[in-house]
Amino acid sequence: MEVQTSTSIQTVSKRKEKQKWNLKRNWPLHVFLLPALVLALVFSYAPLPGIIMAFMDFKPYLGFTESPWVGFEQFKRMLEFDDARQVIWNTLIISSLKIAFHLIVPITFAILLNEVRKMAFKRTVQTLVYLPYFLSWVILGGIMLDMLSVDGGIVNNFLTTVFGIEPIFFLGEGDWFRFTAIATDVWKEFGYGAIVFLAALSGINPDLYEAATIDGANRFQQILHITLPSLIPITIVVATLALGNVLNAGFDQIFNLYNPLVYEKGDIIDTFVYREGLLGGQFSFATAVGLFKSLVGMVLIITGYKLAHKFAGYRIF
C-alpha cells in the first residue's frame, strides 16, 4: 500500500514538473493567444447578459430592471411571424448550398492543381485564387455592384454582346440574387478552402500511384480509385464541422449586396436581426431570433463534432 502511494506521489510530481516545463517552454504561444482571448471575452462573453432581452418587452428608457417580462412570447411571435419564417428558410437554402459548393469546388480545384507538374505555374495559380479571400466584402461588394450592374456592367455587356442575352438583374431579382450570392462567395473562398485538401493530397503515399501506373491505370483512374478515396476522411471532417454554420449565410456579403427588392428571397437571419433590432428598435424580438439561431448553431456544432469523431476519428477535446 505504501509503495503504491509513493509511486502515485512520484507520478503526480513528475506530471507537475512536466507541466511547468511545458509552460516555461511555450509561454510565447500563450502570449500570442492573449489578444484573441481578450477579443472573445469582450465581444462574445461580455454581452451575454443581454440575452435576457429575449424574454422581455425591452424598452431602452425603462432599462433591464423595469422592462416587463413576457417569457417566451417573443419566440412565439417569431414562429408566427411570416417574415421570420421566410428569413429562416432563406438562410437554410443559401447556407446549405454554400456548404455544398464549398466542398465540391475546393476538392475539384485541389485535385486539378495537384495534377499540375510545372511548379511555377502551380504557385502562380495558387496565389491568384487565394487573393480574393483576403479582401473584405465591403470592397468586393462595391466591385460586384459595378460588374453586375444592368446599366453598363461588364458581365451584362459580355452576355449581351457575345450571346445576345437581355441584361440580367443579378442583384434585383430574388432567384438571381441567391445564385449570385452563392457563386460570388464560392469564388472568394474556394482558393483558401482548398488548402486543407491540398495538404491531404500531399500525404498520399506515392507508391500507390506507382503501383497503379504499373497495373495500367491512367490518370483519371488513379484519381477515381486512389485520390478520391484518400480524401474521404478529411471531406467528412470538413462537412460535419460545417454543419455548425448552417444558419450563418454570410452577413457581410448579404448586407453589402442586398436591397429591398430581394428581401423575399435574399434576406437572412443576421440581416433581419440587424434591420428589426437596430433600425426598427425591436430589441427583444431581434434578440429572440438571434438566440434561436445561436442555440441551433450550438446543437449543430456539437452534432458535427460527434459525427466527425464517429466517421473520421477527428476530435479536438
C-alpha atoms as a PDB file:
ATOM      1  CA  MET A   1       0.000   0.000   0.000  1.00  0.00           C
ATOM      2  CA  GLU A   2       2.825   2.380   0.954  1.00  0.00           C
ATOM      3  CA  VAL A   3       4.663   1.515  -2.279  1.00  0.00           C
ATOM      4  CA  GLN A   4       1.575   2.353  -4.366  1.00  0.00           C
ATOM      5  CA  THR A   5       1.104   5.654  -2.526  1.00  0.00           C
ATOM      6  CA  SER A   6       4.750   6.579  -3.039  1.00  0.00           C
ATOM      7  CA  THR A   7       4.523   5.690  -6.736  1.00  0.00           C
ATOM      8  CA  SER A   8       1.395   7.797  -7.213  1.00  0.00           C
ATOM      9  CA  ILE A   9       3.014  10.771  -5.464  1.00  0.00           C
ATOM     10  CA  GLN A  10       6.061  10.479  -7.718  1.00  0.00           C
ATOM     11  CA  THR A  11       3.811  10.299 -10.777  1.00  0.00           C
ATOM     12  CA  VAL A  12       1.912  13.441  -9.757  1.00  0.00           C
ATOM     13  CA  SER A  13       5.201  15.221  -9.006  1.00  0.00           C
ATOM     14  CA  LYS A  14       6.621  14.311 -12.421  1.00  0.00           C
ATOM     15  CA  ARG A  15       3.407  15.450 -14.113  1.00  0.00           C
ATOM     16  CA  LYS A  16       3.566  18.832 -12.377  1.00  0.00           C
ATOM     17  CA  GLU A  17       7.226  19.245 -13.303  1.00  0.00           C
ATOM     18  CA  LYS A  18       6.397  18.414 -16.930  1.00  0.00           C
ATOM     19  CA  GLN A  19       3.538  20.935 -16.934  1.00  0.00           C
ATOM     20  CA  LYS A  20       5.828  23.650 -15.524  1.00  0.00           C
ATOM     21  CA  TRP A  21       8.457  22.809 -18.139  1.00  0.00           C
ATOM     22  CA  ASN A  22       5.895  22.954 -20.932  1.00  0.00           C
ATOM     23  CA  LEU A  23       4.575  26.289 -19.658  1.00  0.00           C
ATOM     24  CA  LYS A  24       8.080  27.721 -19.444  1.00  0.00           C
ATOM     25  CA  ARG A  25       8.873  26.473 -22.920  1.00  0.00           C
ATOM     26  CA  ASN A  26       5.625  27.555 -24.587  1.00  0.00           C
ATOM     27  CA  TRP A  27       4.898  30.842 -22.787  1.00  0.00           C
ATOM     28  CA  PRO A  28       5.353  32.892 -26.030  1.00  0.00           C
ATOM     29  CA  LEU A  29       2.485  30.920 -27.574  1.00  0.00           C
ATOM     30  CA  HIS A  30       0.255  31.801 -24.622  1.00  0.00           C
ATOM     31  CA  VAL A  31       1.177  35.475 -25.037  1.00  0.00           C
ATOM     32  CA  PHE A  32       0.204  35.318 -28.727  1.00  0.00           C
ATOM     33  CA  LEU A  33      -3.111  33.815 -27.660  1.00  0.00           C
ATOM     34  CA  LEU A  34      -3.964  36.686 -25.307  1.00  0.00           C
ATOM     35  CA  PRO A  35      -5.269  39.191 -27.924  1.00  0.00           C
ATOM     36  CA  ALA A  36      -7.684  36.600 -29.341  1.00  0.00           C
ATOM     37  CA  LEU A  37      -8.765  35.680 -25.817  1.00  0.00           C
ATOM     38  CA  VAL A  38      -9.409  39.337 -24.934  1.00  0.00           C
ATOM     39  CA  LEU A  39     -11.418  39.872 -28.131  1.00  0.00           C
ATOM     40  CA  ALA A  40     -13.506  36.772 -27.417  1.00  0.00           C
ATOM     41  CA  LEU A  41     -14.181  37.921 -23.842  1.00  0.00           C
ATOM     42  CA  VAL A  42     -15.117  41.467 -24.868  1.00  0.00           C
ATOM     43  CA  PHE A  43     -17.244  40.705 -27.932  1.00  0.00           C
ATOM     44  CA  SER A  44     -18.564  37.196 -27.239  1.00  0.00           C
ATOM     45  CA  TYR A  45     -18.884  36.722 -23.493  1.00  0.00           C
ATOM     46  CA  ALA A  46     -19.285  40.216 -22.029  1.00  0.00           C
ATOM     47  CA  PRO A  47     -22.551  40.860 -23.992  1.00  0.00           C
ATOM     48  CA  LEU A  48     -24.090  37.518 -22.891  1.00  0.00           C
ATOM     49  CA  PRO A  49     -26.254  39.046 -20.116  1.00  0.00           C
ATOM     50  CA  GLY A  50     -28.087  40.928 -22.872  1.00  0.00           C
ATOM     51  CA  ILE A  51     -29.859  37.728 -23.936  1.00  0.00           C
ATOM     52  CA  ILE A  52     -32.401  38.325 -21.174  1.00  0.00           C
ATOM     53  CA  MET A  53     -33.964  40.839 -23.581  1.00  0.00           C
ATOM     54  CA  ALA A  54     -35.336  37.839 -25.492  1.00  0.00           C
ATOM     55  CA  PHE A  55     -37.658  37.182 -22.542  1.00  0.00           C
ATOM     56  CA  MET A  56     -38.677  40.805 -22.006  1.00  0.00           C
ATOM     57  CA  ASP A  57     -40.542  43.557 -23.778  1.00  0.00           C
ATOM     58  CA  PHE A  58     -37.422  45.657 -23.537  1.00  0.00           C
ATOM     59  CA  LYS A  59     -37.733  49.432 -23.594  1.00  0.00           C
ATOM     60  CA  PRO A  60     -34.465  51.402 -23.545  1.00  0.00           C
ATOM     61  CA  TYR A  61     -35.957  54.162 -21.387  1.00  0.00           C
ATOM     62  CA  LEU A  62     -37.062  51.580 -18.786  1.00  0.00           C
ATOM     63  CA  GLY A  63     -33.873  49.541 -18.814  1.00  0.00           C
ATOM     64  CA  PHE A  64     -33.434  45.928 -17.770  1.00  0.00           C
ATOM     65  CA  THR A  65     -34.874  46.367 -14.310  1.00  0.00           C
ATOM     66  CA  GLU A  66     -38.245  47.908 -15.191  1.00  0.00           C
ATOM     67  CA  SER A  67     -38.981  46.444 -18.652  1.00  0.00           C
ATOM     68  CA  PRO A  68     -41.807  43.875 -18.339  1.00  0.00           C
ATOM     69  CA  TRP A  69     -41.087  40.154 -18.595  1.00  0.00           C
ATOM     70  CA  VAL A  70     -43.029  38.310 -21.281  1.00  0.00           C
ATOM     71  CA  GLY A  71     -41.472  34.841 -21.104  1.00  0.00           C
ATOM     72  CA  PHE A  72     -41.442  33.050 -24.461  1.00  0.00           C
ATOM     73  CA  GLU A  73     -43.790  35.485 -26.198  1.00  0.00           C
ATOM     74  CA  GLN A  74     -41.019  36.788 -28.452  1.00  0.00           C
ATOM     75  CA  PHE A  75     -40.217  33.240 -29.594  1.00  0.00           C
ATOM     76  CA  LYS A  76     -43.903  32.525 -30.263  1.00  0.00           C
ATOM     77  CA  ARG A  77     -44.071  35.718 -32.261  1.00  0.00           C
ATOM     78  CA  MET A  78     -41.026  34.634 -34.247  1.00  0.00           C
ATOM     79  CA  LEU A  79     -42.670  31.329 -35.185  1.00  0.00           C
ATOM     80  CA  GLU A  80     -45.948  33.061 -36.089  1.00  0.00           C
ATOM     81  CA  PHE A  81     -44.312  35.935 -37.979  1.00  0.00           C
ATOM     82  CA  ASP A  82     -44.357  35.205 -41.738  1.00  0.00           C
ATOM     83  CA  ASP A  83     -41.269  37.295 -42.429  1.00  0.00           C
ATOM     84  CA  ALA A  84     -39.280  35.489 -39.723  1.00  0.00           C
ATOM     85  CA  ARG A  85     -40.165  32.065 -41.117  1.00  0.00           C
ATOM     86  CA  GLN A  86     -39.223  33.202 -44.634  1.00  0.00           C
ATOM     87  CA  VAL A  87     -35.924  34.566 -43.341  1.00  0.00           C
ATOM     88  CA  ILE A  88     -35.070  31.242 -41.666  1.00  0.00           C
ATOM     89  CA  TRP A  89     -35.942  29.402 -44.875  1.00  0.00           C
ATOM     90  CA  ASN A  90     -33.785  31.780 -46.948  1.00  0.00           C
ATOM     91  CA  THR A  91     -30.895  31.267 -44.550  1.00  0.00           C
ATOM     92  CA  LEU A  92     -31.151  27.475 -44.735  1.00  0.00           C
ATOM     93  CA  ILE A  93     -31.244  27.474 -48.551  1.00  0.00           C
ATOM     94  CA  ILE A  94     -28.347  29.887 -49.048  1.00  0.00           C
ATOM     95  CA  SER A  95     -26.113  28.443 -46.324  1.00  0.00           C
ATOM     96  CA  SER A  96     -26.767  24.803 -47.317  1.00  0.00           C
ATOM     97  CA  LEU A  97     -25.881  25.483 -50.950  1.00  0.00           C
ATOM     98  CA  LYS A  98     -22.793  27.410 -49.869  1.00  0.00           C
ATOM     99  CA  ILE A  99     -21.653  24.494 -47.696  1.00  0.00           C
ATOM    100  CA  ALA A 100     -22.192  22.030 -50.553  1.00  0.00           C
ATOM    101  CA  PHE A 101     -20.287  24.087 -53.124  1.00  0.00           C
ATOM    102  CA  HIS A 102     -17.573  24.952 -50.587  1.00  0.00           C
ATOM    103  CA  LEU A 103     -16.834  21.232 -50.595  1.00  0.00           C
ATOM    104  CA  ILE A 104     -17.269  20.417 -54.287  1.00  0.00           C
ATOM    105  CA  VAL A 105     -15.317  23.334 -55.764  1.00  0.00           C
ATOM    106  CA  PRO A 106     -12.243  23.251 -53.436  1.00  0.00           C
ATOM    107  CA  ILE A 107     -11.934  19.463 -53.788  1.00  0.00           C
ATOM    108  CA  THR A 108     -12.135  19.699 -57.594  1.00  0.00           C
ATOM    109  CA  PHE A 109      -9.659  22.575 -57.686  1.00  0.00           C
ATOM    110  CA  ALA A 110      -7.228  20.808 -55.322  1.00  0.00           C
ATOM    111  CA  ILE A 111      -7.274  17.639 -57.445  1.00  0.00           C
ATOM    112  CA  LEU A 112      -6.739  19.575 -60.691  1.00  0.00           C
ATOM    113  CA  LEU A 113      -3.952  21.669 -59.177  1.00  0.00           C
ATOM    114  CA  ASN A 114      -2.320  18.554 -57.762  1.00  0.00           C
ATOM    115  CA  GLU A 115      -2.036  17.183 -61.308  1.00  0.00           C
ATOM    116  CA  VAL A 116      -0.016  20.204 -62.466  1.00  0.00           C
ATOM    117  CA  ARG A 117       3.673  19.369 -62.767  1.00  0.00           C
ATOM    118  CA  LYS A 118       5.093  22.832 -63.536  1.00  0.00           C
ATOM    119  CA  MET A 119       5.722  24.322 -60.080  1.00  0.00           C
ATOM    120  CA  ALA A 120       5.964  27.934 -61.307  1.00  0.00           C
ATOM    121  CA  PHE A 121       2.531  27.756 -62.920  1.00  0.00           C
ATOM    122  CA  LYS A 122       1.120  25.891 -59.902  1.00  0.00           C
ATOM    123  CA  ARG A 123       2.327  28.531 -57.414  1.00  0.00           C
ATOM    124  CA  THR A 124       1.079  31.371 -59.604  1.00  0.00           C
ATOM    125  CA  VAL A 125      -2.404  29.858 -59.785  1.00  0.00           C
ATOM    126  CA  GLN A 126      -2.427  29.226 -56.035  1.00  0.00           C
ATOM    127  CA  THR A 127      -1.514  32.837 -55.307  1.00  0.00           C
ATOM    128  CA  LEU A 128      -4.160  34.220 -57.663  1.00  0.00           C
ATOM    129  CA  VAL A 129      -7.010  32.132 -56.244  1.00  0.00           C
ATOM    130  CA  TYR A 130      -6.006  32.894 -52.648  1.00  0.00           C
ATOM    131  CA  LEU A 131      -6.093  36.680 -53.118  1.00  0.00           C
ATOM    132  CA  PRO A 132      -9.906  37.228 -53.062  1.00  0.00           C
ATOM    133  CA  TYR A 133     -10.130  35.562 -49.635  1.00  0.00           C
ATOM    134  CA  PHE A 134      -8.173  38.431 -48.078  1.00  0.00           C
ATOM    135  CA  LEU A 135     -10.456  41.140 -49.470  1.00  0.00           C
ATOM    136  CA  SER A 136     -13.412  42.242 -47.354  1.00  0.00           C
ATOM    137  CA  TRP A 137     -16.951  42.217 -48.675  1.00  0.00           C
ATOM    138  CA  VAL A 138     -17.031  45.989 -48.313  1.00  0.00           C
ATOM    139  CA  ILE A 139     -14.520  46.149 -51.167  1.00  0.00           C
ATOM    140  CA  LEU A 140     -15.831  43.181 -53.127  1.00  0.00           C
ATOM    141  CA  GLY A 141     -19.427  44.357 -52.688  1.00  0.00           C
ATOM    142  CA  GLY A 142     -18.650  47.606 -54.492  1.00  0.00           C
ATOM    143  CA  ILE A 143     -16.804  45.720 -57.230  1.00  0.00           C
ATOM    144  CA  MET A 144     -19.715  43.295 -57.690  1.00  0.00           C
ATOM    145  CA  LEU A 145     -22.265  46.122 -57.830  1.00  0.00           C
ATOM    146  CA  ASP A 146     -20.352  47.649 -60.732  1.00  0.00           C
ATOM    147  CA  MET A 147     -19.627  44.384 -62.538  1.00  0.00           C
ATOM    148  CA  LEU A 148     -23.195  43.047 -62.277  1.00  0.00           C
ATOM    149  CA  SER A 149     -24.966  46.307 -63.000  1.00  0.00           C
ATOM    150  CA  VAL A 150     -27.721  46.184 -65.621  1.00  0.00           C
ATOM    151  CA  ASP A 151     -26.582  49.519 -66.981  1.00  0.00           C
ATOM    152  CA  GLY A 152     -23.000  49.174 -68.182  1.00  0.00           C
ATOM    153  CA  GLY A 153     -21.893  46.233 -66.018  1.00  0.00           C
ATOM    154  CA  ILE A 154     -19.102  44.185 -67.585  1.00  0.00           C
ATOM    155  CA  VAL A 155     -20.948  40.874 -67.053  1.00  0.00           C
ATOM    156  CA  ASN A 156     -24.170  42.005 -68.722  1.00  0.00           C
ATOM    157  CA  ASN A 157     -22.241  43.700 -71.521  1.00  0.00           C
ATOM    158  CA  PHE A 158     -20.447  40.413 -72.186  1.00  0.00           C
ATOM    159  CA  LEU A 159     -23.674  38.363 -72.132  1.00  0.00           C
ATOM    160  CA  THR A 160     -25.419  40.828 -74.445  1.00  0.00           C
ATOM    161  CA  THR A 161     -22.528  41.183 -76.886  1.00  0.00           C
ATOM    162  CA  VAL A 162     -21.461  37.539 -77.131  1.00  0.00           C
ATOM    163  CA  PHE A 163     -24.685  35.605 -76.570  1.00  0.00           C
ATOM    164  CA  GLY A 164     -27.336  38.222 -77.360  1.00  0.00           C
ATOM    165  CA  ILE A 165     -28.952  37.760 -73.919  1.00  0.00           C
ATOM    166  CA  GLU A 166     -31.043  40.511 -72.399  1.00  0.00           C
ATOM    167  CA  PRO A 167     -29.398  42.167 -69.352  1.00  0.00           C
ATOM    168  CA  ILE A 168     -29.974  40.154 -66.161  1.00  0.00           C
ATOM    169  CA  PHE A 169     -30.852  41.932 -62.913  1.00  0.00           C
ATOM    170  CA  PHE A 170     -28.498  39.820 -60.794  1.00  0.00           C
ATOM    171  CA  LEU A 171     -28.937  41.884 -57.624  1.00  0.00           C
ATOM    172  CA  GLY A 172     -32.586  42.864 -58.127  1.00  0.00           C
ATOM    173  CA  GLU A 173     -34.349  39.531 -58.709  1.00  0.00           C
ATOM    174  CA  GLY A 174     -34.702  37.068 -55.834  1.00  0.00           C
ATOM    175  CA  ASP A 175     -33.634  33.852 -57.573  1.00  0.00           C
ATOM    176  CA  TRP A 176     -30.759  35.531 -59.391  1.00  0.00           C
ATOM    177  CA  PHE A 177     -29.675  37.141 -56.136  1.00  0.00           C
ATOM    178  CA  ARG A 178     -29.411  33.746 -54.432  1.00  0.00           C
ATOM    179  CA  PHE A 179     -27.376  32.421 -57.355  1.00  0.00           C
ATOM    180  CA  THR A 180     -25.128  35.494 -57.279  1.00  0.00           C
ATOM    181  CA  ALA A 181     -24.618  35.301 -53.510  1.00  0.00           C
ATOM    182  CA  ILE A 182     -23.622  31.646 -53.667  1.00  0.00           C
ATOM    183  CA  ALA A 183     -21.417  31.973 -56.771  1.00  0.00           C
ATOM    184  CA  THR A 184     -19.519  35.036 -55.549  1.00  0.00           C
ATOM    185  CA  ASP A 185     -18.984  33.560 -52.077  1.00  0.00           C
ATOM    186  CA  VAL A 186     -17.606  30.329 -53.540  1.00  0.00           C
ATOM    187  CA  TRP A 187     -15.355  32.333 -55.878  1.00  0.00           C
ATOM    188  CA  LYS A 188     -13.999  34.300 -52.910  1.00  0.00           C
ATOM    189  CA  GLU A 189     -13.448  31.352 -50.565  1.00  0.00           C
ATOM    190  CA  PHE A 190     -12.598  28.282 -52.657  1.00  0.00           C
ATOM    191  CA  GLY A 191      -8.876  29.041 -53.015  1.00  0.00           C
ATOM    192  CA  TYR A 192      -8.377  29.264 -49.285  1.00  0.00           C
ATOM    193  CA  GLY A 193     -10.668  26.301 -48.661  1.00  0.00           C
ATOM    194  CA  ALA A 194      -8.575  24.138 -50.990  1.00  0.00           C
ATOM    195  CA  ILE A 195      -5.540  24.397 -48.688  1.00  0.00           C
ATOM    196  CA  VAL A 196      -6.706  21.606 -46.390  1.00  0.00           C
ATOM    197  CA  PHE A 197      -7.389  19.301 -49.345  1.00  0.00           C
ATOM    198  CA  LEU A 198      -4.006  20.085 -50.932  1.00  0.00           C
ATOM    199  CA  ALA A 199      -2.406  19.167 -47.613  1.00  0.00           C
ATOM    200  CA  ALA A 200      -4.326  15.886 -47.577  1.00  0.00           C
ATOM    201  CA  LEU A 201      -3.235  15.160 -51.155  1.00  0.00           C
ATOM    202  CA  SER A 202       0.408  15.716 -50.258  1.00  0.00           C
ATOM    203  CA  GLY A 203       0.077  12.990 -47.620  1.00  0.00           C
ATOM    204  CA  ILE A 204      -0.976  10.261 -50.062  1.00  0.00           C
ATOM    205  CA  ASN A 205       1.675   7.557 -50.459  1.00  0.00           C
ATOM    206  CA  PRO A 206       3.316   7.959 -53.926  1.00  0.00           C
ATOM    207  CA  ASP A 207       3.808   4.197 -54.057  1.00  0.00           C
ATOM    208  CA  LEU A 208       0.074   3.825 -54.608  1.00  0.00           C
ATOM    209  CA  TYR A 209       0.260   5.845 -57.820  1.00  0.00           C
ATOM    210  CA  GLU A 210       3.354   3.967 -58.971  1.00  0.00           C
ATOM    211  CA  ALA A 211       1.629   0.620 -58.393  1.00  0.00           C
ATOM    212  CA  ALA A 212      -1.466   1.838 -60.248  1.00  0.00           C
ATOM    213  CA  THR A 213       0.685   3.002 -63.177  1.00  0.00           C
ATOM    214  CA  ILE A 214       2.376  -0.401 -63.381  1.00  0.00           C
ATOM    215  CA  ASP A 215      -1.085  -2.009 -63.420  1.00  0.00           C
ATOM    216  CA  GLY A 216      -2.022   0.166 -66.408  1.00  0.00           C
ATOM    217  CA  ALA A 217      -4.265   2.735 -64.697  1.00  0.00           C
ATOM    218  CA  ASN A 218      -4.460   6.125 -66.413  1.00  0.00           C
ATOM    219  CA  ARG A 219      -4.568   9.473 -64.571  1.00  0.00           C
ATOM    220  CA  PHE A 220      -8.347   9.544 -64.390  1.00  0.00           C
ATOM    221  CA  GLN A 221      -8.479   6.019 -62.958  1.00  0.00           C
ATOM    222  CA  GLN A 222      -5.813   6.923 -60.404  1.00  0.00           C
ATOM    223  CA  ILE A 223      -7.871   9.931 -59.290  1.00  0.00           C
ATOM    224  CA  LEU A 224     -11.011   7.823 -59.116  1.00  0.00           C
ATOM    225  CA  HIS A 225      -9.539   4.884 -57.181  1.00  0.00           C
ATOM    226  CA  ILE A 226      -6.721   6.485 -55.137  1.00  0.00           C
ATOM    227  CA  THR A 227      -7.107  10.253 -54.808  1.00  0.00           C
ATOM    228  CA  LEU A 228     -10.821  10.491 -54.087  1.00  0.00           C
ATOM    229  CA  PRO A 229     -10.915   7.618 -51.527  1.00  0.00           C
ATOM    230  CA  SER A 230      -7.927   9.203 -49.759  1.00  0.00           C
ATOM    231  CA  LEU A 231      -9.838  12.497 -49.445  1.00  0.00           C
ATOM    232  CA  ILE A 232     -12.939  10.931 -47.890  1.00  0.00           C
ATOM    233  CA  PRO A 233     -11.808  11.266 -44.205  1.00  0.00           C
ATOM    234  CA  ILE A 234     -10.916  14.966 -44.459  1.00  0.00           C
ATOM    235  CA  THR A 235     -14.066  15.613 -46.512  1.00  0.00           C
ATOM    236  CA  ILE A 236     -16.184  14.061 -43.753  1.00  0.00           C
ATOM    237  CA  VAL A 237     -14.444  16.238 -41.163  1.00  0.00           C
ATOM    238  CA  VAL A 238     -14.916  19.463 -43.133  1.00  0.00           C
ATOM    239  CA  ALA A 239     -18.545  18.643 -43.981  1.00  0.00           C
ATOM    240  CA  THR A 240     -19.573  17.734 -40.438  1.00  0.00           C
ATOM    241  CA  LEU A 241     -17.853  20.743 -38.895  1.00  0.00           C
ATOM    242  CA  ALA A 242     -19.583  22.967 -41.445  1.00  0.00           C
ATOM    243  CA  LEU A 243     -22.953  21.922 -40.007  1.00  0.00           C
ATOM    244  CA  GLY A 244     -22.483  24.497 -37.265  1.00  0.00           C
ATOM    245  CA  ASN A 245     -22.609  27.237 -39.899  1.00  0.00           C
ATOM    246  CA  VAL A 246     -25.882  26.128 -41.465  1.00  0.00           C
ATOM    247  CA  LEU A 247     -27.586  29.251 -40.057  1.00  0.00           C
ATOM    248  CA  ASN A 248     -24.685  31.552 -40.982  1.00  0.00           C
ATOM    249  CA  ALA A 249     -25.307  32.569 -44.570  1.00  0.00           C
ATOM    250  CA  GLY A 250     -22.777  35.404 -44.502  1.00  0.00           C
ATOM    251  CA  PHE A 251     -23.914  38.735 -43.048  1.00  0.00           C
ATOM    252  CA  ASP A 252     -21.028  40.747 -44.553  1.00  0.00           C
ATOM    253  CA  GLN A 253     -21.755  39.563 -48.065  1.00  0.00           C
ATOM    254  CA  ILE A 254     -25.557  39.770 -47.995  1.00  0.00           C
ATOM    255  CA  PHE A 255     -25.563  43.143 -46.260  1.00  0.00           C
ATOM    256  CA  ASN A 256     -23.282  44.652 -48.899  1.00  0.00           C
ATOM    257  CA  LEU A 257     -25.181  43.170 -51.860  1.00  0.00           C
ATOM    258  CA  TYR A 258     -28.874  43.022 -50.986  1.00  0.00           C
ATOM    259  CA  ASN A 259     -31.614  45.638 -51.294  1.00  0.00           C
ATOM    260  CA  PRO A 260     -35.394  45.806 -50.603  1.00  0.00           C
ATOM    261  CA  LEU A 261     -36.152  44.232 -53.993  1.00  0.00           C
ATOM    262  CA  VAL A 262     -34.686  40.884 -52.885  1.00  0.00           C
ATOM    263  CA  TYR A 263     -35.784  40.740 -49.242  1.00  0.00           C
ATOM    264  CA  GLU A 264     -38.225  37.923 -50.031  1.00  0.00           C
ATOM    265  CA  LYS A 265     -35.522  35.574 -51.374  1.00  0.00           C
ATOM    266  CA  GLY A 266     -32.284  37.078 -50.079  1.00  0.00           C
ATOM    267  CA  ASP A 267     -32.950  38.259 -46.525  1.00  0.00           C
ATOM    268  CA  ILE A 268     -31.189  36.072 -43.927  1.00  0.00           C
ATOM    269  CA  ILE A 269     -31.354  35.852 -40.133  1.00  0.00           C
ATOM    270  CA  ASP A 270     -28.409  38.186 -39.488  1.00  0.00           C
ATOM    271  CA  THR A 271     -29.617  40.957 -41.790  1.00  0.00           C
ATOM    272  CA  PHE A 272     -33.175  40.540 -40.468  1.00  0.00           C
ATOM    273  CA  VAL A 273     -31.948  40.904 -36.871  1.00  0.00           C
ATOM    274  CA  TYR A 274     -29.947  43.985 -37.869  1.00  0.00           C
ATOM    275  CA  ARG A 275     -32.928  45.666 -39.517  1.00  0.00           C
ATOM    276  CA  GLU A 276     -35.524  44.719 -36.898  1.00  0.00           C
ATOM    277  CA  GLY A 277     -33.290  45.234 -33.876  1.00  0.00           C
ATOM    278  CA  LEU A 278     -31.030  48.177 -34.609  1.00  0.00           C
ATOM    279  CA  LEU A 279     -33.012  50.003 -37.278  1.00  0.00           C
ATOM    280  CA  GLY A 280     -36.552  49.049 -36.197  1.00  0.00           C
ATOM    281  CA  GLY A 281     -35.962  49.302 -32.466  1.00  0.00           C
ATOM    282  CA  GLN A 282     -37.495  45.838 -31.763  1.00  0.00           C
ATOM    283  CA  PHE A 283     -34.660  44.810 -29.485  1.00  0.00           C
ATOM    284  CA  SER A 284     -36.397  41.944 -27.708  1.00  0.00           C
ATOM    285  CA  PHE A 285     -37.719  40.345 -30.887  1.00  0.00           C
ATOM    286  CA  ALA A 286     -34.346  40.603 -32.631  1.00  0.00           C
ATOM    287  CA  THR A 287     -32.609  39.146 -29.567  1.00  0.00           C
ATOM    288  CA  ALA A 288     -35.035  36.200 -29.556  1.00  0.00           C
ATOM    289  CA  VAL A 289     -34.307  35.484 -33.231  1.00  0.00           C
ATOM    290  CA  GLY A 290     -30.569  35.765 -32.643  1.00  0.00           C
ATOM    291  CA  LEU A 291     -30.750  33.500 -29.570  1.00  0.00           C
ATOM    292  CA  PHE A 292     -32.709  30.919 -31.540  1.00  0.00           C
ATOM    293  CA  LYS A 293     -30.010  30.954 -34.214  1.00  0.00           C
ATOM    294  CA  SER A 294     -27.229  30.593 -31.623  1.00  0.00           C
ATOM    295  CA  LEU A 295     -28.903  27.654 -29.877  1.00  0.00           C
ATOM    296  CA  VAL A 296     -29.493  25.806 -33.144  1.00  0.00           C
ATOM    297  CA  GLY A 297     -25.904  26.516 -34.179  1.00  0.00           C
ATOM    298  CA  MET A 298     -24.582  25.173 -30.857  1.00  0.00           C
ATOM    299  CA  VAL A 299     -26.584  21.942 -31.246  1.00  0.00           C
ATOM    300  CA  LEU A 300     -25.335  21.520 -34.825  1.00  0.00           C
ATOM    301  CA  ILE A 301     -21.703  22.157 -33.834  1.00  0.00           C
ATOM    302  CA  ILE A 302     -21.900  19.505 -31.103  1.00  0.00           C
ATOM    303  CA  THR A 303     -23.552  17.120 -33.558  1.00  0.00           C
ATOM    304  CA  GLY A 304     -20.875  17.884 -36.141  1.00  0.00           C
ATOM    305  CA  TYR A 305     -18.055  17.079 -33.701  1.00  0.00           C
ATOM    306  CA  LYS A 306     -19.771  13.828 -32.719  1.00  0.00           C
ATOM    307  CA  LEU A 307     -20.171  12.826 -36.371  1.00  0.00           C
ATOM    308  CA  ALA A 308     -16.582  13.807 -37.218  1.00  0.00           C
ATOM    309  CA  HIS A 309     -15.302  11.682 -34.343  1.00  0.00           C
ATOM    310  CA  LYS A 310     -17.514   8.737 -35.268  1.00  0.00           C
ATOM    311  CA  PHE A 311     -16.857   8.611 -39.018  1.00  0.00           C
ATOM    312  CA  ALA A 312     -13.371  10.139 -39.330  1.00  0.00           C
ATOM    313  CA  GLY A 313     -11.810   9.743 -35.880  1.00  0.00           C
ATOM    314  CA  TYR A 314     -11.433  13.535 -35.584  1.00  0.00           C
ATOM    315  CA  ARG A 315     -11.635  15.269 -32.239  1.00  0.00           C
ATOM    316  CA  ILE A 316     -10.315  18.435 -30.616  1.00  0.00           C
ATOM    317  CA  PHE A 317     -11.168  17.641 -26.998  1.00  0.00           C
END
